[in-house]
């Protein structure tokens, strides 16, 4: 039926949000910054972590959430699963990027830039 919610899409949205929340936890990203990355109010982040965020409010955040998860996956691969090293890199100034990655990812273009950088570094 046109206009009715698709449970599979809703489930995918919830999974993407939860994955972004886990990546943020592992990279030592605060709820405030995760909200900025996703373009959502900080007050929604605990709901996202619990899998209880309203899907209609989080759908627009799927693209940044999936890009952020990709950043985490690439970085995790580069550091061989060392979460402390990943968090340190993510939260430290990077001269090649001329920014701290945690600051750069607070926009979709910045997320794309970090993904590109990490894909090149991984190769």
N, C-alpha and C. Protein backbone atom coordinates (compact mmCIF):
# COMPACT_ATOMS: atom_id res chain seq x y z
N UNK A 1 0.84 -1.17 0.00
CA UNK A 1 0.00 0.00 0.00
C UNK A 1 0.89 1.25 0.00
N UNK A 2 0.71 2.17 -0.97
CA UNK A 2 1.55 3.36 -1.03
C UNK A 2 1.43 4.19 0.24
N UNK A 3 2.57 4.70 0.68
CA UNK A 3 2.58 5.56 1.84
C UNK A 3 2.69 4.82 3.17
N UNK A 4 2.49 3.49 3.16
CA UNK A 4 2.62 2.80 4.45
C UNK A 4 4.08 2.48 4.72
N UNK A 5 4.43 2.45 6.00
CA UNK A 5 5.82 2.17 6.36
C UNK A 5 6.21 0.76 5.93
N UNK A 6 7.44 0.63 5.51
CA UNK A 6 7.99 -0.67 5.13
C UNK A 6 8.77 -1.21 6.31
N UNK A 7 8.32 -2.33 6.91
CA UNK A 7 9.01 -2.85 8.10
C UNK A 7 10.46 -3.21 7.83
N UNK A 8 10.79 -3.65 6.61
CA UNK A 8 12.18 -3.98 6.32
C UNK A 8 13.05 -2.74 6.30
N UNK A 9 12.56 -1.68 5.70
CA UNK A 9 13.30 -0.42 5.67
C UNK A 9 13.45 0.11 7.10
N UNK A 10 12.38 0.06 7.87
CA UNK A 10 12.44 0.52 9.26
C UNK A 10 13.48 -0.28 10.04
N UNK A 11 13.51 -1.57 9.81
CA UNK A 11 14.48 -2.43 10.49
C UNK A 11 15.91 -2.06 10.08
N UNK A 12 16.12 -1.79 8.78
CA UNK A 12 17.44 -1.39 8.30
C UNK A 12 17.88 -0.06 8.91
N UNK A 13 16.95 0.85 9.06
CA UNK A 13 17.25 2.14 9.68
C UNK A 13 17.71 1.92 11.11
N UNK A 14 16.97 1.13 11.85
CA UNK A 14 17.30 0.85 13.26
C UNK A 14 18.67 0.17 13.36
N UNK A 15 18.95 -0.77 12.48
CA UNK A 15 20.23 -1.47 12.50
C UNK A 15 21.37 -0.50 12.19
N UNK A 16 21.18 0.37 11.20
CA UNK A 16 22.21 1.35 10.86
C UNK A 16 22.49 2.31 12.00
N UNK A 17 21.44 2.74 12.67
CA UNK A 17 21.60 3.65 13.81
C UNK A 17 22.35 2.97 14.95
N UNK A 18 21.98 1.73 15.24
CA UNK A 18 22.62 0.98 16.33
C UNK A 18 24.10 0.74 16.01
N UNK A 19 24.40 0.42 14.75
CA UNK A 19 25.79 0.21 14.35
C UNK A 19 26.61 1.49 14.51
N UNK A 20 26.01 2.62 14.15
CA UNK A 20 26.71 3.91 14.32
C UNK A 20 26.96 4.18 15.80
N UNK A 21 26.00 3.87 16.65
CA UNK A 21 26.17 4.07 18.09
C UNK A 21 27.29 3.20 18.63
N UNK A 22 27.39 1.97 18.15
CA UNK A 22 28.47 1.08 18.61
C UNK A 22 29.83 1.59 18.12
N UNK A 23 29.88 2.05 16.88
CA UNK A 23 31.12 2.60 16.36
C UNK A 23 31.55 3.82 17.18
N UNK A 24 30.59 4.66 17.51
CA UNK A 24 30.89 5.85 18.32
C UNK A 24 31.45 5.46 19.69
N UNK A 25 30.86 4.47 20.28
CA UNK A 25 31.33 4.00 21.59
C UNK A 25 32.78 3.53 21.49
N UNK A 26 33.08 2.77 20.46
CA UNK A 26 34.43 2.22 20.30
C UNK A 26 35.45 3.29 19.95
N UNK A 27 35.00 4.36 19.31
CA UNK A 27 35.91 5.46 18.97
C UNK A 27 35.91 6.56 20.01
N UNK A 28 35.24 6.32 21.12
CA UNK A 28 35.16 7.26 22.24
C UNK A 28 34.56 8.61 21.82
N UNK A 29 33.47 8.52 21.06
CA UNK A 29 32.75 9.70 20.59
C UNK A 29 31.59 9.95 21.55
N UNK A 30 31.46 11.18 22.01
CA UNK A 30 30.40 11.54 22.94
C UNK A 30 29.03 11.51 22.27
N UNK A 31 27.99 11.45 23.08
CA UNK A 31 26.62 11.50 22.54
C UNK A 31 26.39 12.81 21.79
N UNK A 32 26.95 13.88 22.31
CA UNK A 32 26.80 15.18 21.65
C UNK A 32 27.37 15.13 20.23
N UNK A 33 28.59 14.61 20.09
CA UNK A 33 29.24 14.56 18.78
C UNK A 33 28.52 13.56 17.87
N UNK A 34 28.07 12.43 18.41
CA UNK A 34 27.32 11.47 17.59
C UNK A 34 26.06 12.14 17.04
N UNK A 35 25.40 12.91 17.86
CA UNK A 35 24.23 13.65 17.38
C UNK A 35 24.58 14.58 16.24
N UNK A 36 25.72 15.27 16.35
CA UNK A 36 26.17 16.16 15.27
C UNK A 36 26.48 15.38 14.00
N UNK A 37 27.13 14.23 14.15
CA UNK A 37 27.47 13.39 12.99
C UNK A 37 26.20 12.95 12.27
N UNK A 38 25.20 12.54 13.04
CA UNK A 38 23.96 12.02 12.46
C UNK A 38 22.96 13.11 12.09
N UNK A 39 23.22 14.33 12.55
CA UNK A 39 22.28 15.41 12.29
C UNK A 39 21.02 15.28 13.13
N UNK A 40 21.17 14.73 14.32
CA UNK A 40 20.04 14.50 15.22
C UNK A 40 20.31 15.18 16.56
N UNK A 41 19.27 15.50 17.30
CA UNK A 41 19.48 16.08 18.62
C UNK A 41 20.19 15.09 19.56
N UNK A 42 21.07 15.64 20.37
CA UNK A 42 21.81 14.80 21.34
C UNK A 42 20.85 13.98 22.20
N UNK A 43 19.69 14.53 22.50
CA UNK A 43 18.72 13.83 23.35
C UNK A 43 18.22 12.53 22.72
N UNK A 44 18.34 12.39 21.40
CA UNK A 44 17.90 11.15 20.73
C UNK A 44 18.94 10.05 20.80
N UNK A 45 20.19 10.39 21.07
CA UNK A 45 21.26 9.40 21.02
C UNK A 45 21.03 8.23 21.98
N UNK A 46 20.62 8.47 23.24
CA UNK A 46 20.34 7.31 24.10
C UNK A 46 19.24 6.40 23.54
N UNK A 47 18.25 7.00 22.88
CA UNK A 47 17.20 6.18 22.25
C UNK A 47 17.78 5.36 21.10
N UNK A 48 18.69 5.94 20.36
CA UNK A 48 19.34 5.22 19.26
C UNK A 48 20.12 4.05 19.82
N UNK A 49 20.85 4.28 20.89
CA UNK A 49 21.64 3.21 21.51
C UNK A 49 20.76 2.08 22.02
N UNK A 50 19.57 2.41 22.46
CA UNK A 50 18.63 1.40 22.95
C UNK A 50 17.80 0.79 21.83
N UNK A 51 17.96 1.28 20.61
CA UNK A 51 17.17 0.79 19.49
C UNK A 51 15.73 1.27 19.54
N UNK A 52 15.48 2.37 20.26
CA UNK A 52 14.12 2.85 20.47
C UNK A 52 13.85 4.20 19.82
N UNK A 53 14.77 4.69 18.99
CA UNK A 53 14.55 5.99 18.35
C UNK A 53 13.45 5.87 17.31
N UNK A 54 12.59 6.86 17.23
CA UNK A 54 11.52 6.82 16.22
C UNK A 54 12.11 6.79 14.81
N UNK A 55 11.75 5.79 14.05
CA UNK A 55 12.31 5.60 12.72
C UNK A 55 12.03 6.79 11.82
N UNK A 56 10.85 7.35 11.92
CA UNK A 56 10.52 8.48 11.05
C UNK A 56 11.42 9.69 11.31
N UNK A 57 11.99 9.78 12.50
CA UNK A 57 12.89 10.89 12.82
C UNK A 57 14.34 10.57 12.48
N UNK A 58 14.67 9.30 12.31
CA UNK A 58 16.06 8.92 12.07
C UNK A 58 16.36 8.54 10.62
N UNK A 59 15.34 8.43 9.78
CA UNK A 59 15.57 8.02 8.39
C UNK A 59 16.58 8.90 7.67
N UNK A 60 16.50 10.21 7.87
CA UNK A 60 17.43 11.11 7.18
C UNK A 60 18.87 10.93 7.66
N UNK A 61 19.04 10.27 8.78
CA UNK A 61 20.38 10.08 9.36
C UNK A 61 21.05 8.80 8.88
N UNK A 62 20.38 8.04 8.02
CA UNK A 62 20.94 6.75 7.59
C UNK A 62 22.24 6.92 6.82
N UNK A 63 22.30 7.87 5.89
CA UNK A 63 23.52 8.04 5.09
C UNK A 63 24.71 8.41 5.98
N UNK A 64 24.59 9.43 6.84
CA UNK A 64 25.75 9.70 7.69
C UNK A 64 26.06 8.54 8.64
N UNK A 65 25.04 7.83 9.11
CA UNK A 65 25.27 6.69 10.00
C UNK A 65 26.09 5.62 9.29
N UNK A 66 25.72 5.29 8.07
CA UNK A 66 26.43 4.24 7.34
C UNK A 66 27.84 4.68 6.94
N UNK A 67 28.00 5.96 6.59
CA UNK A 67 29.35 6.46 6.31
C UNK A 67 30.22 6.41 7.57
N UNK A 68 29.63 6.75 8.71
CA UNK A 68 30.38 6.71 9.96
C UNK A 68 30.78 5.27 10.30
N UNK A 69 29.89 4.33 10.09
CA UNK A 69 30.21 2.92 10.32
C UNK A 69 31.34 2.50 9.38
N UNK A 70 31.30 2.97 8.14
CA UNK A 70 32.38 2.66 7.19
C UNK A 70 33.71 3.22 7.67
N UNK A 71 33.70 4.43 8.20
CA UNK A 71 34.92 5.01 8.77
C UNK A 71 35.47 4.08 9.85
N UNK A 72 34.59 3.65 10.73
CA UNK A 72 35.03 2.75 11.81
C UNK A 72 35.59 1.44 11.25
N UNK A 73 34.91 0.84 10.29
CA UNK A 73 35.36 -0.43 9.73
C UNK A 73 36.73 -0.30 9.07
N UNK A 74 36.92 0.74 8.28
CA UNK A 74 38.21 0.97 7.62
C UNK A 74 39.31 1.19 8.64
N UNK A 75 39.04 2.06 9.60
CA UNK A 75 40.03 2.36 10.62
C UNK A 75 40.37 1.12 11.44
N UNK A 76 39.36 0.34 11.78
CA UNK A 76 39.58 -0.88 12.55
C UNK A 76 40.47 -1.86 11.77
N UNK A 77 40.26 -1.93 10.47
CA UNK A 77 41.10 -2.79 9.64
C UNK A 77 42.54 -2.30 9.62
N UNK A 78 42.72 -1.01 9.46
CA UNK A 78 44.07 -0.42 9.39
C UNK A 78 44.85 -0.66 10.68
N UNK A 79 44.19 -0.53 11.83
CA UNK A 79 44.89 -0.67 13.11
C UNK A 79 44.85 -2.10 13.64
N UNK A 80 44.37 -3.03 12.82
CA UNK A 80 44.37 -4.43 13.22
C UNK A 80 43.47 -4.74 14.40
N UNK A 81 42.37 -4.02 14.52
CA UNK A 81 41.43 -4.28 15.60
C UNK A 81 41.79 -3.65 16.93
N UNK A 82 42.84 -2.86 16.97
CA UNK A 82 43.26 -2.20 18.21
C UNK A 82 42.37 -0.97 18.44
N UNK A 83 41.36 -1.13 19.30
CA UNK A 83 40.40 -0.05 19.52
C UNK A 83 41.03 1.19 20.13
N UNK A 84 42.02 1.01 20.99
CA UNK A 84 42.68 2.17 21.59
C UNK A 84 43.41 2.98 20.52
N UNK A 85 44.07 2.29 19.60
CA UNK A 85 44.78 2.99 18.52
C UNK A 85 43.78 3.68 17.60
N UNK A 86 42.66 3.03 17.31
CA UNK A 86 41.63 3.62 16.45
C UNK A 86 41.07 4.89 17.09
N UNK A 87 40.74 4.81 18.37
CA UNK A 87 40.18 5.97 19.08
C UNK A 87 41.20 7.10 19.15
N UNK A 88 42.46 6.74 19.38
CA UNK A 88 43.50 7.76 19.45
C UNK A 88 43.64 8.49 18.11
N UNK A 89 43.69 7.73 17.01
CA UNK A 89 43.80 8.34 15.69
C UNK A 89 42.59 9.22 15.42
N UNK A 90 41.42 8.71 15.71
CA UNK A 90 40.18 9.41 15.39
C UNK A 90 40.05 10.73 16.14
N UNK A 91 40.57 10.78 17.34
CA UNK A 91 40.41 11.96 18.18
C UNK A 91 41.63 12.89 18.19
N UNK A 92 42.65 12.56 17.38
CA UNK A 92 43.87 13.36 17.34
C UNK A 92 43.97 14.15 16.04
N UNK A 93 44.71 15.24 16.09
CA UNK A 93 44.91 16.05 14.89
C UNK A 93 45.68 15.26 13.85
N UNK A 94 45.26 15.36 12.60
CA UNK A 94 45.90 14.68 11.48
C UNK A 94 46.39 15.73 10.51
N UNK A 95 47.69 15.81 10.31
CA UNK A 95 48.25 16.85 9.45
C UNK A 95 47.83 16.67 7.98
N UNK A 96 47.69 15.44 7.53
CA UNK A 96 47.27 15.19 6.14
C UNK A 96 45.85 15.69 5.90
N UNK A 97 45.00 15.58 6.92
CA UNK A 97 43.61 16.03 6.81
C UNK A 97 43.43 17.48 7.23
N UNK A 98 44.44 18.01 7.92
CA UNK A 98 44.38 19.36 8.47
C UNK A 98 43.20 19.52 9.43
N UNK A 99 42.91 18.45 10.17
CA UNK A 99 41.78 18.45 11.11
C UNK A 99 41.87 17.20 11.98
N UNK A 100 41.10 17.21 13.04
CA UNK A 100 40.90 15.98 13.80
C UNK A 100 39.77 15.23 13.08
N UNK A 101 39.93 13.95 12.80
CA UNK A 101 38.86 13.21 12.14
C UNK A 101 37.51 13.35 12.85
N UNK A 102 37.51 13.37 14.17
CA UNK A 102 36.26 13.51 14.93
C UNK A 102 35.54 14.81 14.58
N UNK A 103 36.28 15.83 14.23
CA UNK A 103 35.67 17.10 13.82
C UNK A 103 35.22 17.04 12.36
N UNK A 104 36.04 16.43 11.52
CA UNK A 104 35.73 16.37 10.09
C UNK A 104 34.46 15.59 9.80
N UNK A 105 34.18 14.54 10.57
CA UNK A 105 33.03 13.68 10.28
C UNK A 105 31.70 14.28 10.68
N UNK A 106 31.69 15.49 11.17
CA UNK A 106 30.44 16.10 11.60
C UNK A 106 29.65 16.71 10.45
N UNK A 107 30.06 16.38 9.22
CA UNK A 107 29.30 16.75 8.02
C UNK A 107 29.42 15.59 7.04
N UNK A 108 28.45 15.47 6.15
CA UNK A 108 28.50 14.39 5.16
C UNK A 108 29.72 14.53 4.26
N UNK A 109 30.06 15.75 3.77
CA UNK A 109 31.29 15.85 2.96
C UNK A 109 32.54 15.44 3.76
N UNK A 110 32.57 15.80 5.04
CA UNK A 110 33.70 15.41 5.88
C UNK A 110 33.77 13.91 6.08
N UNK A 111 32.62 13.28 6.26
CA UNK A 111 32.58 11.81 6.35
C UNK A 111 33.15 11.20 5.08
N UNK A 112 32.72 11.73 3.93
CA UNK A 112 33.23 11.22 2.66
C UNK A 112 34.73 11.39 2.53
N UNK A 113 35.23 12.53 2.99
CA UNK A 113 36.67 12.79 2.94
C UNK A 113 37.44 11.78 3.79
N UNK A 114 36.94 11.49 4.97
CA UNK A 114 37.62 10.55 5.86
C UNK A 114 37.55 9.14 5.28
N UNK A 115 36.41 8.75 4.71
CA UNK A 115 36.30 7.44 4.07
C UNK A 115 37.33 7.32 2.95
N UNK A 116 37.41 8.33 2.09
CA UNK A 116 38.38 8.32 0.99
C UNK A 116 39.81 8.19 1.52
N UNK A 117 40.13 8.98 2.52
CA UNK A 117 41.48 8.96 3.09
C UNK A 117 41.81 7.57 3.63
N UNK A 118 40.89 6.99 4.36
CA UNK A 118 41.15 5.67 4.95
C UNK A 118 41.20 4.57 3.89
N UNK A 119 40.38 4.69 2.85
CA UNK A 119 40.44 3.69 1.77
C UNK A 119 41.80 3.72 1.09
N UNK A 120 42.36 4.90 0.88
CA UNK A 120 43.68 5.01 0.28
C UNK A 120 44.73 4.43 1.23
N UNK A 121 44.62 4.74 2.51
CA UNK A 121 45.60 4.26 3.50
C UNK A 121 45.54 2.74 3.65
N UNK A 122 44.36 2.17 3.48
CA UNK A 122 44.19 0.73 3.63
C UNK A 122 44.80 -0.01 2.44
N UNK A 123 44.78 0.61 1.27
CA UNK A 123 45.22 -0.07 0.05
C UNK A 123 46.70 -0.37 0.02
